Amino acid sequence: MADGIRQTITALSAVINLYIESKVIPTEFLVLPEAKGNKTLLERDFLNAAGIVLDVQGGKWYFSKNPRKLYEFFKKSLEEIAISAFELREDEEIADPVNPDQVLGTYPISALKDYHEPRVERDTGPVAPLRKRGRPKKLPPGSEHRRQRNQRGSL
């Protein structure tokens, strides 16, 4: 699971026919019985089995047998994730890079300290906001427009 704890669970599998642009692709899905609210990502194996080619830069995809018929990606807004939902555990296990299953010990989070460069003073005072870019301000009738300099000094 994504919580960092190893566990052995029984997963169920089912082969489901997916229909994409009148093509049927039998796809195996894994189901974790105890998990709630799962979303499944179809990965490279699915794309290879379906013969789908992605043109990520162009925002399109097509079947390898018919590259002239292009389909556009549709946009779906991402769900908002609350940063506060992610909490650090009190201690983090450290594994051996050569043998990841072997735990070398724990690293207490309380040992983490802020980094300060020696002989460098940090100004923690208020920061002046940058001028908003975009459409210029509307001037009242009869007032004269004068060119203003931006924050870097150029016109």
Protein backbone atom coordinates (compact mmCIF):
# COMPACT_ATOMS: atom_id res chain seq x y z
CA MET A 1 0.00 0.00 0.00
CA ALA A 2 1.06 3.61 -0.30
CA ASP A 3 1.32 4.12 3.46
CA GLY A 4 4.85 2.64 3.56
CA ILE A 5 3.87 -0.45 5.54
CA ARG A 6 4.43 -3.84 3.93
CA GLN A 7 1.56 -6.26 4.11
CA THR A 8 0.45 -9.38 2.31
CA ILE A 9 -3.13 -9.24 1.07
CA THR A 10 -5.24 -11.27 -1.30
CA ALA A 11 -6.02 -9.46 -4.52
CA LEU A 12 -8.83 -10.44 -6.84
CA SER A 13 -8.54 -10.19 -10.60
CA ALA A 14 -11.05 -9.98 -13.39
CA VAL A 15 -10.74 -9.70 -17.16
CA ILE A 16 -13.03 -6.98 -18.45
CA ASN A 17 -13.68 -6.09 -22.08
CA LEU A 18 -12.98 -2.41 -22.68
CA TYR A 19 -14.56 -0.81 -25.72
CA ILE A 20 -12.56 2.00 -27.30
CA GLU A 21 -13.65 3.44 -30.65
CA SER A 22 -15.45 0.20 -31.62
CA LYS A 23 -12.43 -1.93 -30.70
CA VAL A 24 -12.65 -4.52 -27.88
CA ILE A 25 -9.60 -4.92 -25.63
CA PRO A 26 -9.74 -7.64 -22.94
CA THR A 27 -7.98 -6.10 -19.92
CA GLU A 28 -7.10 -7.65 -16.57
CA PHE A 29 -7.92 -5.53 -13.53
CA LEU A 30 -6.70 -6.17 -9.99
CA VAL A 31 -9.11 -5.48 -7.15
CA LEU A 32 -7.96 -4.94 -3.56
CA PRO A 33 -10.99 -5.94 -1.46
CA GLU A 34 -10.12 -3.75 1.55
CA ALA A 35 -9.28 -0.61 -0.44
CA LYS A 36 -11.87 2.12 -0.78
CA GLY A 37 -12.21 4.70 -3.55
CA ASN A 38 -9.58 3.20 -5.83
CA LYS A 39 -9.02 4.49 -9.31
CA THR A 40 -7.28 2.32 -11.86
CA LEU A 41 -4.67 3.60 -14.29
CA LEU A 42 -4.31 1.75 -17.56
CA GLU A 43 -0.61 1.50 -18.20
CA ARG A 44 1.81 0.47 -20.92
CA ASP A 45 0.64 -3.17 -21.06
CA PHE A 46 -2.86 -1.98 -21.89
CA LEU A 47 -1.59 0.48 -24.50
CA ASN A 48 0.52 -2.25 -26.15
CA ALA A 49 -2.35 -4.77 -26.12
CA ALA A 50 -4.72 -2.20 -27.64
CA GLY A 51 -2.16 -1.02 -30.20
CA ILE A 52 -2.53 2.57 -29.02
CA VAL A 53 0.18 5.12 -29.80
CA LEU A 54 0.31 8.33 -27.74
CA ASP A 55 1.40 11.66 -29.20
CA VAL A 56 1.68 13.45 -25.86
CA GLN A 57 3.19 16.62 -27.28
CA GLY A 58 0.43 16.93 -29.87
CA GLY A 59 -2.29 15.96 -27.38
CA LYS A 60 -3.53 13.13 -29.59
CA TRP A 61 -3.54 9.34 -29.81
CA TYR A 62 -4.21 6.77 -32.53
CA PHE A 63 -4.30 3.05 -33.19
CA SER A 64 -1.05 1.75 -34.68
CA LYS A 65 -2.96 0.06 -37.53
CA ASN A 66 -4.62 3.33 -38.54
CA PRO A 67 -2.25 6.27 -37.83
CA ARG A 68 -4.21 8.67 -40.05
CA LYS A 69 -7.27 8.68 -37.76
CA LEU A 70 -6.31 10.81 -34.77
CA TYR A 71 -8.20 11.21 -31.49
CA GLU A 72 -7.70 14.14 -29.13
CA PHE A 73 -7.06 13.74 -25.41
CA PHE A 74 -9.89 15.01 -23.25
CA LYS A 75 -9.10 17.18 -20.27
CA LYS A 76 -10.28 16.20 -16.83
CA SER A 77 -9.56 18.45 -13.89
CA LEU A 78 -7.39 16.94 -11.21
CA GLU A 79 -8.82 16.45 -7.77
CA GLU A 80 -7.56 18.86 -5.20
CA ILE A 81 -5.30 17.27 -2.61
CA ALA A 82 -5.03 18.84 0.81
CA ILE A 83 -1.37 19.10 1.73
CA SER A 84 -2.28 18.62 5.39
CA ALA A 85 -3.40 15.08 4.53
CA PHE A 86 0.23 14.09 4.17
CA GLU A 87 1.87 13.65 7.54
CA LEU A 88 5.37 12.47 8.24
CA ARG A 89 5.78 9.46 10.47
CA GLU A 90 7.77 9.80 13.66
CA ASP A 91 10.53 7.55 12.36
CA GLU A 92 11.40 6.46 8.85
CA GLU A 93 13.06 3.13 8.10
CA ILE A 94 16.33 3.26 6.20
CA ALA A 95 17.01 0.41 3.78
CA ASP A 96 20.26 -0.81 2.29
CA PRO A 97 20.37 0.39 -1.37
CA VAL A 98 21.94 -2.91 -2.45
CA ASN A 99 19.37 -5.01 -0.59
CA PRO A 100 16.15 -2.96 -0.18
CA ASP A 101 14.48 -5.67 1.95
CA GLN A 102 17.13 -5.29 4.66
CA VAL A 103 16.32 -2.52 7.14
CA LEU A 104 19.42 -0.76 8.46
CA GLY A 105 17.64 1.24 11.14
CA THR A 106 15.32 4.16 11.65
CA TYR A 107 15.90 7.85 11.09
CA PRO A 108 13.98 10.01 13.55
CA ILE A 109 12.31 13.00 11.94
CA SER A 110 13.09 15.01 15.04
CA ALA A 111 16.76 14.84 13.97
CA LEU A 112 16.01 16.92 10.88
CA LYS A 113 17.12 20.52 11.29
CA ASP A 114 16.65 23.72 9.29
CA TYR A 115 19.54 24.43 6.96
CA HIS A 116 21.39 27.69 7.48
CA GLU A 117 24.42 28.69 5.44
CA PRO A 118 27.24 30.06 7.57
CA ARG A 119 27.85 33.84 7.35
CA VAL A 120 24.64 34.47 5.39
CA GLU A 121 21.99 36.72 6.86
CA ARG A 122 18.43 36.10 5.80
CA ASP A 123 15.97 38.96 5.52
CA THR A 124 12.63 37.65 6.73
CA GLY A 125 10.84 40.98 6.42
CA PRO A 126 7.83 41.60 4.22
CA VAL A 127 8.23 41.13 0.49
CA ALA A 128 6.95 43.74 -1.96
CA PRO A 129 4.45 42.14 -4.36
CA LEU A 130 5.29 42.13 -8.05
CA ARG A 131 3.27 44.38 -10.32
CA LYS A 132 0.44 42.47 -11.94
CA ARG A 133 0.88 41.94 -15.65
CA GLY A 134 -1.86 42.09 -18.19
CA ARG A 135 -4.30 44.75 -19.22
CA PRO A 136 -3.23 48.29 -18.17
CA LYS A 137 -5.31 50.29 -15.72
CA LYS A 138 -8.16 52.36 -17.13
CA LEU A 139 -7.48 56.07 -16.84
CA PRO A 140 -10.21 58.59 -16.11
CA PRO A 141 -11.25 60.77 -19.09
CA GLY A 142 -9.00 63.79 -19.61
CA SER A 143 -6.02 62.35 -17.75
CA GLU A 144 -2.78 61.94 -19.62
CA HIS A 145 -1.16 58.54 -20.06
CA ARG A 146 2.49 58.50 -19.14
CA ARG A 147 4.86 55.64 -19.64
CA GLN A 148 5.81 53.90 -16.45
CA ARG A 149 8.90 51.91 -15.75
CA ASN A 150 8.60 48.36 -14.59
CA GLN A 151 10.39 47.03 -11.51
CA ARG A 152 13.58 46.34 -13.44
CA GLY A 153 13.77 49.94 -14.66
CA SER A 154 13.01 49.42 -18.35
CA LEU A 155 10.07 50.95 -20.18
